[in-house]
PDB file of N, CA and C in Angstrom:
ATOM      1  N   GLU A   1       9.234  18.687  -5.959  1.00  0.00           N
ATOM      2  CA  GLU A   1       8.134  18.762  -5.021  1.00  0.00           C
ATOM      3  C   GLU A   1       6.935  18.028  -5.591  1.00  0.00           C
ATOM      4  N   PRO A   2       6.347  17.105  -4.835  1.00  0.00           N
ATOM      5  CA  PRO A   2       5.224  16.330  -5.339  1.00  0.00           C
ATOM      6  C   PRO A   2       4.015  17.186  -5.700  1.00  0.00           C
ATOM      7  N   ALA A   3       3.825  18.301  -5.008  1.00  0.00           N
ATOM      8  CA  ALA A   3       2.664  19.148  -5.279  1.00  0.00           C
ATOM      9  C   ALA A   3       2.713  19.720  -6.691  1.00  0.00           C
ATOM     10  N   LYS A   4       3.908  19.935  -7.231  1.00  0.00           N
ATOM     11  CA  LYS A   4       4.026  20.527  -8.557  1.00  0.00           C
ATOM     12  C   LYS A   4       4.161  19.480  -9.651  1.00  0.00           C
ATOM     13  N   ALA A   5       4.471  18.242  -9.279  1.00  0.00           N
ATOM     14  CA  ALA A   5       4.686  17.195 -10.266  1.00  0.00           C
ATOM     15  C   ALA A   5       3.371  16.705 -10.868  1.00  0.00           C
ATOM     16  N   THR A   6       2.324  16.666 -10.091  1.00  0.00           N
ATOM     17  CA  THR A   6       1.037  16.184 -10.567  1.00  0.00           C
ATOM     18  C   THR A   6      -0.047  17.181 -10.202  1.00  0.00           C
ATOM     19  N   PRO A   7      -1.155  17.138 -10.923  1.00  0.00           N
ATOM     20  CA  PRO A   7      -2.267  18.026 -10.566  1.00  0.00           C
ATOM     21  C   PRO A   7      -2.771  17.731  -9.150  1.00  0.00           C
ATOM     22  N   VAL A   8      -3.170  18.769  -8.459  1.00  0.00           N
ATOM     23  CA  VAL A   8      -3.672  18.641  -7.097  1.00  0.00           C
ATOM     24  C   VAL A   8      -5.189  18.733  -7.139  1.00  0.00           C
ATOM     25  N   SER A   9      -5.827  17.870  -6.374  1.00  0.00           N
ATOM     26  CA  SER A   9      -7.281  17.907  -6.261  1.00  0.00           C
ATOM     27  C   SER A   9      -7.652  17.988  -4.790  1.00  0.00           C
ATOM     28  N   LEU A  10      -8.930  18.160  -4.533  1.00  0.00           N
ATOM     29  CA  LEU A  10      -9.378  18.150  -3.147  1.00  0.00           C
ATOM     30  C   LEU A  10      -9.083  16.806  -2.498  1.00  0.00           C
ATOM     31  N   GLN A  11      -9.138  15.739  -3.290  1.00  0.00           N
ATOM     32  CA  GLN A  11      -8.829  14.406  -2.764  1.00  0.00           C
ATOM     33  C   GLN A  11      -7.360  14.317  -2.349  1.00  0.00           C
ATOM     34  N   THR A  12      -6.473  14.929  -3.115  1.00  0.00           N
ATOM     35  CA  THR A  12      -5.050  14.952  -2.761  1.00  0.00           C
ATOM     36  C   THR A  12      -4.854  15.616  -1.406  1.00  0.00           C
ATOM     37  N   ILE A  13      -5.547  16.716  -1.195  1.00  0.00           N
ATOM     38  CA  ILE A  13      -5.438  17.447   0.062  1.00  0.00           C
ATOM     39  C   ILE A  13      -6.056  16.633   1.197  1.00  0.00           C
ATOM     40  N   ALA A  14      -7.194  16.012   0.952  1.00  0.00           N
ATOM     41  CA  ALA A  14      -7.823  15.167   1.975  1.00  0.00           C
ATOM     42  C   ALA A  14      -6.900  14.004   2.353  1.00  0.00           C
ATOM     43  N   ASN A  15      -6.235  13.435   1.359  1.00  0.00           N
ATOM     44  CA  ASN A  15      -5.282  12.347   1.634  1.00  0.00           C
ATOM     45  C   ASN A  15      -4.120  12.838   2.495  1.00  0.00           C
ATOM     46  N   ALA A  16      -3.662  14.055   2.236  1.00  0.00           N
ATOM     47  CA  ALA A  16      -2.562  14.621   3.026  1.00  0.00           C
ATOM     48  C   ALA A  16      -2.990  14.805   4.482  1.00  0.00           C
ATOM     49  N   TYR A  17      -4.215  15.289   4.690  1.00  0.00           N
ATOM     50  CA  TYR A  17      -4.728  15.414   6.054  1.00  0.00           C
ATOM     51  C   TYR A  17      -4.843  14.036   6.704  1.00  0.00           C
ATOM     52  N   GLY A  18      -5.295  13.050   5.946  1.00  0.00           N
ATOM     53  CA  GLY A  18      -5.407  11.685   6.453  1.00  0.00           C
ATOM     54  C   GLY A  18      -4.050  11.108   6.824  1.00  0.00           C
ATOM     55  N   ASP A  19      -3.056  11.353   5.973  1.00  0.00           N
ATOM     56  CA  ASP A  19      -1.696  10.880   6.257  1.00  0.00           C
ATOM     57  C   ASP A  19      -1.160  11.504   7.549  1.00  0.00           C
ATOM     58  N   TYR A  20      -1.418  12.792   7.709  1.00  0.00           N
ATOM     59  CA  TYR A  20      -0.960  13.470   8.926  1.00  0.00           C
ATOM     60  C   TYR A  20      -1.656  12.895  10.157  1.00  0.00           C
ATOM     61  N   SER A  21      -2.951  12.680  10.060  1.00  0.00           N
ATOM     62  CA  SER A  21      -3.697  12.120  11.188  1.00  0.00           C
ATOM     63  C   SER A  21      -3.185  10.733  11.549  1.00  0.00           C
ATOM     64  N   LYS A  22      -2.923   9.922  10.531  1.00  0.00           N
ATOM     65  CA  LYS A  22      -2.420   8.573  10.769  1.00  0.00           C
ATOM     66  C   LYS A  22      -1.055   8.619  11.451  1.00  0.00           C
ATOM     67  N   LYS A  23      -0.177   9.469  10.942  1.00  0.00           N
ATOM     68  CA  LYS A  23       1.167   9.585  11.518  1.00  0.00           C
ATOM     69  C   LYS A  23       1.087  10.086  12.953  1.00  0.00           C
ATOM     70  N   SER A  24       0.226  11.042  13.205  1.00  0.00           N
ATOM     71  CA  SER A  24       0.063  11.585  14.547  1.00  0.00           C
ATOM     72  C   SER A  24      -0.450  10.513  15.510  1.00  0.00           C
ATOM     73  N   LEU A  25      -1.404   9.726  15.063  1.00  0.00           N
ATOM     74  CA  LEU A  25      -1.935   8.645  15.893  1.00  0.00           C
ATOM     75  C   LEU A  25      -0.855   7.603  16.191  1.00  0.00           C
ATOM     76  N   GLU A  26      -0.048   7.273  15.190  1.00  0.00           N
ATOM     77  CA  GLU A  26       1.051   6.316  15.394  1.00  0.00           C
ATOM     78  C   GLU A  26       2.062   6.858  16.403  1.00  0.00           C
ATOM     79  N   GLN A  27       2.394   8.139  16.285  1.00  0.00           N
ATOM     80  CA  GLN A  27       3.332   8.750  17.228  1.00  0.00           C
ATOM     81  C   GLN A  27       2.770   8.726  18.647  1.00  0.00           C
ATOM     82  N   THR A  28       1.482   9.032  18.773  1.00  0.00           N
ATOM     83  CA  THR A  28       0.856   9.052  20.086  1.00  0.00           C
ATOM     84  C   THR A  28       0.817   7.657  20.694  1.00  0.00           C
ATOM     85  N   SER A  29       0.487   6.670  19.890  1.00  0.00           N
ATOM     86  CA  SER A  29       0.464   5.281  20.383  1.00  0.00           C
ATOM     87  C   SER A  29       1.848   4.855  20.855  1.00  0.00           C
ATOM     88  N   SER A  30       2.862   5.192  20.082  1.00  0.00           N
ATOM     89  CA  SER A  30       4.234   4.869  20.451  1.00  0.00           C
ATOM     90  C   SER A  30       4.621   5.576  21.748  1.00  0.00           C
ATOM     91  N   PHE A  31       4.223   6.821  21.880  1.00  0.00           N
ATOM     92  CA  PHE A  31       4.507   7.590  23.092  1.00  0.00           C
ATOM     93  C   PHE A  31       3.878   6.944  24.315  1.00  0.00           C
ATOM     94  N   VAL A  32       2.621   6.556  24.206  1.00  0.00           N
ATOM     95  CA  VAL A  32       1.925   5.943  25.340  1.00  0.00           C
ATOM     96  C   VAL A  32       2.612   4.638  25.750  1.00  0.00           C
ATOM     97  N   ALA A  33       3.019   3.845  24.754  1.00  0.00           N
ATOM     98  CA  ALA A  33       3.713   2.593  25.055  1.00  0.00           C
ATOM     99  C   ALA A  33       5.045   2.859  25.755  1.00  0.00           C
ATOM    100  N   LYS A  34       5.796   3.837  25.257  1.00  0.00           N
ATOM    101  CA  LYS A  34       7.081   4.169  25.883  1.00  0.00           C
ATOM    102  C   LYS A  34       6.879   4.741  27.283  1.00  0.00           C
ATOM    103  N   LEU A  35       5.855   5.569  27.437  1.00  0.00           N
ATOM    104  CA  LEU A  35       5.587   6.167  28.745  1.00  0.00           C
ATOM    105  C   LEU A  35       5.188   5.097  29.751  1.00  0.00           C
ATOM    106  N   ALA A  36       4.424   4.129  29.304  1.00  0.00           N
ATOM    107  CA  ALA A  36       4.019   3.045  30.199  1.00  0.00           C
ATOM    108  C   ALA A  36       5.226   2.231  30.654  1.00  0.00           C
ATOM    109  N   GLY A  37       6.276   2.181  29.847  1.00  0.00           N
ATOM    110  CA  GLY A  37       7.481   1.436  30.195  1.00  0.00           C
ATOM    111  C   GLY A  37       8.524   2.246  30.945  1.00  0.00           C
ATOM    112  N   ALA A  38       8.234   3.517  31.168  1.00  0.00           N
ATOM    113  CA  ALA A  38       9.202   4.374  31.873  1.00  0.00           C
ATOM    114  C   ALA A  38       9.385   3.878  33.306  1.00  0.00           C
ATOM    115  N   ARG A  39      10.629   3.756  33.724  1.00  0.00           N
ATOM    116  CA  ARG A  39      10.953   3.216  35.053  1.00  0.00           C
ATOM    117  C   ARG A  39      11.157   4.304  36.109  1.00  0.00           C
ATOM    118  N   SER A  40      11.284   5.539  35.649  1.00  0.00           N
ATOM    119  CA  SER A  40      11.496   6.621  36.611  1.00  0.00           C
ATOM    120  C   SER A  40      10.832   7.888  36.094  1.00  0.00           C
ATOM    121  N   LEU A  41      10.711   8.836  36.982  1.00  0.00           N
ATOM    122  CA  LEU A  41      10.131  10.124  36.607  1.00  0.00           C
ATOM    123  C   LEU A  41      11.021  10.829  35.584  1.00  0.00           C
ATOM    124  N   THR A  42      12.316  10.719  35.763  1.00  0.00           N
ATOM    125  CA  THR A  42      13.259  11.323  34.816  1.00  0.00           C
ATOM    126  C   THR A  42      13.096  10.712  33.430  1.00  0.00           C
ATOM    127  N   ASN A  43      12.990   9.403  33.379  1.00  0.00           N
ATOM    128  CA  ASN A  43      12.789   8.719  32.110  1.00  0.00           C
ATOM    129  C   ASN A  43      11.460   9.122  31.474  1.00  0.00           C
ATOM    130  N   ALA A  44      10.428   9.270  32.290  1.00  0.00           N
ATOM    131  CA  ALA A  44       9.115   9.694  31.787  1.00  0.00           C
ATOM    132  C   ALA A  44       9.197  11.094  31.178  1.00  0.00           C
ATOM    133  N   PHE A  45       9.939  11.996  31.819  1.00  0.00           N
ATOM    134  CA  PHE A  45      10.116  13.350  31.272  1.00  0.00           C
ATOM    135  C   PHE A  45      10.882  13.311  29.956  1.00  0.00           C
ATOM    136  N   GLU A  46      11.889  12.452  29.872  1.00  0.00           N
ATOM    137  CA  GLU A  46      12.656  12.320  28.632  1.00  0.00           C
ATOM    138  C   GLU A  46      11.776  11.812  27.497  1.00  0.00           C
ATOM    139  N   VAL A  47      10.950  10.828  27.794  1.00  0.00           N
ATOM    140  CA  VAL A  47      10.032  10.271  26.792  1.00  0.00           C
ATOM    141  C   VAL A  47       9.052  11.348  26.339  1.00  0.00           C
ATOM    142  N   GLN A  48       8.521  12.109  27.289  1.00  0.00           N
ATOM    143  CA  GLN A  48       7.563  13.162  26.963  1.00  0.00           C
ATOM    144  C   GLN A  48       8.217  14.261  26.146  1.00  0.00           C
ATOM    145  N   THR A  49       9.418  14.626  26.481  1.00  0.00           N
ATOM    146  CA  THR A  49      10.143  15.662  25.736  1.00  0.00           C
ATOM    147  C   THR A  49      10.414  15.217  24.302  1.00  0.00           C
ATOM    148  N   ALA A  50      10.849  13.974  24.143  1.00  0.00           N
ATOM    149  CA  ALA A  50      11.101  13.447  22.797  1.00  0.00           C
ATOM    150  C   ALA A  50       9.814  13.415  21.982  1.00  0.00           C
ATOM    151  N   PHE A  51       8.720  13.024  22.628  1.00  0.00           N
ATOM    152  CA  PHE A  51       7.434  12.993  21.935  1.00  0.00           C
ATOM    153  C   PHE A  51       7.000  14.393  21.504  1.00  0.00           C
ATOM    154  N   ALA A  52       7.138  15.354  22.395  1.00  0.00           N
ATOM    155  CA  ALA A  52       6.735  16.732  22.070  1.00  0.00           C
ATOM    156  C   ALA A  52       7.547  17.261  20.897  1.00  0.00           C
ATOM    157  N   ARG A  53       8.854  16.999  20.902  1.00  0.00           N
ATOM    158  CA  ARG A  53       9.716  17.460  19.808  1.00  0.00           C
ATOM    159  C   ARG A  53       9.296  16.804  18.491  1.00  0.00           C
ATOM    160  N   GLU A  54       9.112  15.492  18.516  1.00  0.00           N
ATOM    161  CA  GLU A  54       8.731  14.764  17.308  1.00  0.00           C
ATOM    162  C   GLU A  54       7.358  15.198  16.796  1.00  0.00           C
ATOM    163  N   ALA A  55       6.414  15.384  17.715  1.00  0.00           N
ATOM    164  CA  ALA A  55       5.068  15.813  17.316  1.00  0.00           C
ATOM    165  C   ALA A  55       5.107  17.204  16.689  1.00  0.00           C
ATOM    166  N   TYR A  56       5.903  18.102  17.265  1.00  0.00           N
ATOM    167  CA  TYR A  56       6.028  19.456  16.725  1.00  0.00           C
ATOM    168  C   TYR A  56       6.648  19.422  15.329  1.00  0.00           C
ATOM    169  N   GLU A  57       7.738  18.657  15.178  1.00  0.00           N
ATOM    170  CA  GLU A  57       8.403  18.570  13.878  1.00  0.00           C
ATOM    171  C   GLU A  57       7.475  17.990  12.815  1.00  0.00           C
ATOM    172  N   THR A  58       6.712  16.975  13.187  1.00  0.00           N
ATOM    173  CA  THR A  58       5.751  16.389  12.253  1.00  0.00           C
ATOM    174  C   THR A  58       4.676  17.396  11.876  1.00  0.00           C
ATOM    175  N   PHE A  59       4.182  18.133  12.871  1.00  0.00           N
ATOM    176  CA  PHE A  59       3.160  19.147  12.606  1.00  0.00           C
ATOM    177  C   PHE A  59       3.669  20.195  11.626  1.00  0.00           C
ATOM    178  N   VAL A  60       4.866  20.688  11.859  1.00  0.00           N
ATOM    179  CA  VAL A  60       5.429  21.721  10.984  1.00  0.00           C
ATOM    180  C   VAL A  60       5.617  21.166   9.570  1.00  0.00           C
ATOM    181  N   GLU A  61       6.187  19.980   9.472  1.00  0.00           N
ATOM    182  CA  GLU A  61       6.433  19.360   8.165  1.00  0.00           C
ATOM    183  C   GLU A  61       5.128  19.113   7.399  1.00  0.00           C
ATOM    184  N   GLN A  62       4.151  18.544   8.071  1.00  0.00           N
ATOM    185  CA  GLN A  62       2.891  18.236   7.401  1.00  0.00           C
ATOM    186  C   GLN A  62       2.100  19.504   7.086  1.00  0.00           C
ATOM    187  N   SER A  63       2.155  20.480   7.962  1.00  0.00           N
ATOM    188  CA  SER A  63       1.469  21.754   7.694  1.00  0.00           C
ATOM    189  C   SER A  63       2.046  22.423   6.457  1.00  0.00           C
ATOM    190  N   ARG A  64       3.361  22.373   6.333  1.00  0.00           N
ATOM    191  CA  ARG A  64       4.034  22.944   5.169  1.00  0.00           C
ATOM    192  C   ARG A  64       3.581  22.216   3.901  1.00  0.00           C
ATOM    193  N   ARG A  65       3.541  20.900   3.970  1.00  0.00           N
ATOM    194  CA  ARG A  65       3.121  20.095   2.821  1.00  0.00           C
ATOM    195  C   ARG A  65       1.675  20.420   2.420  1.00  0.00           C
ATOM    196  N   ILE A  66       0.792  20.473   3.396  1.00  0.00           N
ATOM    197  CA  ILE A  66      -0.621  20.757   3.119  1.00  0.00           C
ATOM    198  C   ILE A  66      -0.784  22.177   2.579  1.00  0.00           C
ATOM    199  N   ARG A  67      -0.032  23.120   3.132  1.00  0.00           N
ATOM    200  CA  ARG A  67      -0.091  24.501   2.626  1.00  0.00           C
ATOM    201  C   ARG A  67       0.329  24.556   1.165  1.00  0.00           C
ATOM    202  N   GLU A  68       1.390  23.825   0.817  1.00  0.00           N
ATOM    203  CA  GLU A  68       1.846  23.790  -0.577  1.00  0.00           C
ATOM    204  C   GLU A  68       0.786  23.170  -1.486  1.00  0.00           C
ATOM    205  N   LEU A  69       0.118  22.146  -1.025  1.00  0.00           N
ATOM    206  CA  LEU A  69      -0.952  21.538  -1.827  1.00  0.00           C
ATOM    207  C   LEU A  69      -2.088  22.527  -2.056  1.00  0.00           C
ATOM    208  N   HIS A  70      -2.473  23.250  -1.002  1.00  0.00           N
ATOM    209  CA  HIS A  70      -3.526  24.275  -1.144  1.00  0.00           C
ATOM    210  C   HIS A  70      -3.083  25.362  -2.130  1.00  0.00           C
ATOM    211  N   ARG A  71      -1.838  25.773  -2.026  1.00  0.00           N
ATOM    212  CA  ARG A  71      -1.311  26.806  -2.924  1.00  0.00           C
ATOM    213  C   ARG A  71      -1.355  26.328  -4.376  1.00  0.00           C
ATOM    214  N   GLU A  72      -0.919  25.087  -4.605  1.00  0.00           N
ATOM    215  CA  GLU A  72      -0.913  24.550  -5.967  1.00  0.00           C
ATOM    216  C   GLU A  72      -2.329  24.406  -6.514  1.00  0.00           C
ATOM    217  N   LEU A  73      -3.258  23.975  -5.679  1.00  0.00           N
ATOM    218  CA  LEU A  73      -4.655  23.868  -6.117  1.00  0.00           C
ATOM    219  C   LEU A  73      -5.198  25.245  -6.497  1.00  0.00           C
ATOM    220  N   ALA A  74      -4.894  26.250  -5.702  1.00  0.00           N
ATOM    221  CA  ALA A  74      -5.345  27.612  -6.010  1.00  0.00           C
ATOM    222  C   ALA A  74      -4.751  28.091  -7.332  1.00  0.00           C
ATOM    223  N   LYS A  75      -3.467  27.809  -7.567  1.00  0.00           N
ATOM    224  CA  LYS A  75      -2.835  28.189  -8.833  1.00  0.00           C
ATOM    225  C   LYS A  75      -3.513  27.508 -10.011  1.00  0.00           C
ATOM    226  N   GLN A  76      -3.787  26.217  -9.861  1.00  0.00           N
ATOM    227  CA  GLN A  76      -4.444  25.474 -10.941  1.00  0.00           C
ATOM    228  C   GLN A  76      -5.814  26.059 -11.252  1.00  0.00           C
ATOM    229  N   ARG A  77      -6.555  26.363 -10.215  1.00  0.00           N
ATOM    230  CA  ARG A  77      -7.903  26.913 -10.429  1.00  0.00           C
ATOM    231  C   ARG A  77      -7.846  28.307 -11.036  1.00  0.00           C
ATOM    232  N   LEU A  78      -6.892  29.102 -10.607  1.00  0.00           N
ATOM    233  CA  LEU A  78      -6.742  30.443 -11.155  1.00  0.00           C
ATOM    234  C   LEU A  78      -6.348  30.369 -12.632  1.00  0.00           C
ATOM    235  N   THR A  79      -5.466  29.442 -12.968  1.00  0.00           N
ATOM    236  CA  THR A  79      -5.059  29.269 -14.362  1.00  0.00           C
ATOM    237  C   THR A  79      -6.260  28.889 -15.227  1.00  0.00           C
ATOM    238  N   ARG A  80      -7.079  27.973 -14.724  1.00  0.00           N
ATOM    239  CA  ARG A  80      -8.291  27.585 -15.473  1.00  0.00           C
ATOM    240  C   ARG A  80      -9.243  28.760 -15.626  1.00  0.00           C
ATOM    241  N   LEU A  81      -9.392  29.548 -14.559  1.00  0.00           N
ATOM    242  CA  LEU A  81     -10.280  30.708 -14.604  1.00  0.00           C
ATOM    243  C   LEU A  81      -9.763  31.737 -15.601  1.00  0.00           C
ATOM    244  N   GLU A  82      -8.447  31.955 -15.596  1.00  0.00           N
ATOM    245  CA  GLU A  82      -7.874  32.897 -16.557  1.00  0.00           C
ATOM    246  C   GLU A  82      -8.107  32.420 -17.983  1.00  0.00           C
ATOM    247  N   GLY A  83      -7.983  31.117 -18.202  1.00  0.00           N
ATOM    248  CA  GLY A  83      -8.244  30.554 -19.529  1.00  0.00           C
ATOM    249  C   GLY A  83      -9.691  30.734 -19.936  1.00  0.00           C
ATOM    250  N   PHE A  84     -10.589  30.529 -18.996  1.00  0.00           N
ATOM    251  CA  PHE A  84     -12.018  30.695 -19.267  1.00  0.00           C
ATOM    252  C   PHE A  84     -12.345  32.152 -19.574  1.00  0.00           C
ATOM    253  N   VAL A  85     -11.795  33.060 -18.791  1.00  0.00           N
ATOM    254  CA  VAL A  85     -12.044  34.489 -19.015  1.00  0.00           C
ATOM    255  C   VAL A  85     -11.478  34.902 -20.370  1.00  0.00           C
ATOM    256  N   GLY A  86     -10.302  34.391 -20.717  1.00  0.00           N
ATOM    257  CA  GLY A  86      -9.700  34.702 -22.011  1.00  0.00           C
ATOM    258  C   GLY A  86     -10.572  34.208 -23.152  1.00  0.00           C
ATOM    259  N   MET A  87     -11.164  33.020 -23.003  1.00  0.00           N
ATOM    260  CA  MET A  87     -12.040  32.475 -24.054  1.00  0.00           C
ATOM    261  C   MET A  87     -13.295  33.314 -24.207  1.00  0.00           C
ATOM    262  N   THR A  88     -13.862  33.782 -23.097  1.00  0.00           N
ATOM    263  CA  THR A  88     -15.099  34.572 -23.182  1.00  0.00           C
ATOM    264  C   THR A  88     -14.831  35.956 -23.770  1.00  0.00           C
ATOM    265  N   ARG A  89     -13.650  36.497 -23.580  1.00  0.00           N
ATOM    266  CA  ARG A  89     -13.329  37.801 -24.144  1.00  0.00           C
ATOM    267  C   ARG A  89     -13.129  37.722 -25.648  1.00  0.00           C
ATOM    268  N   GLN A  90     -12.689  36.568 -26.129  1.00  0.00           N
ATOM    269  CA  GLN A  90     -12.447  36.389 -27.557  1.00  0.00           C
ATOM    270  C   GLN A  90     -13.753  36.263 -28.329  1.00  0.00           C
ATOM    271  N   ARG A  91     -14.799  35.912 -27.674  1.00  0.00           N
ATOM    272  CA  ARG A  91     -16.100  35.723 -28.350  1.00  0.00           C
ATOM    273  C   ARG A  91     -16.759  36.980 -28.690  1.00  0.00           C
TER     274      ARG A  91
END
């Protein structure tokens, strides 16, 4: 998992949100282009259904990724805090 391989920062999380936004915009643009080319109402419904499924799957996947990044950042900060508290108790 990439979240555990390297340290996570707020920038890492911001980049993940940016990646999701970019992917979502690309999916929406593709959907609009396909919808504009639909030759029938049935075809338009099929295009819309495929888009909804893909958008949902992307949302779930990216939400999971972002949640893991937040979790890893919290763990890192807690570990640092525990280290700091341990140092102050030794003094």
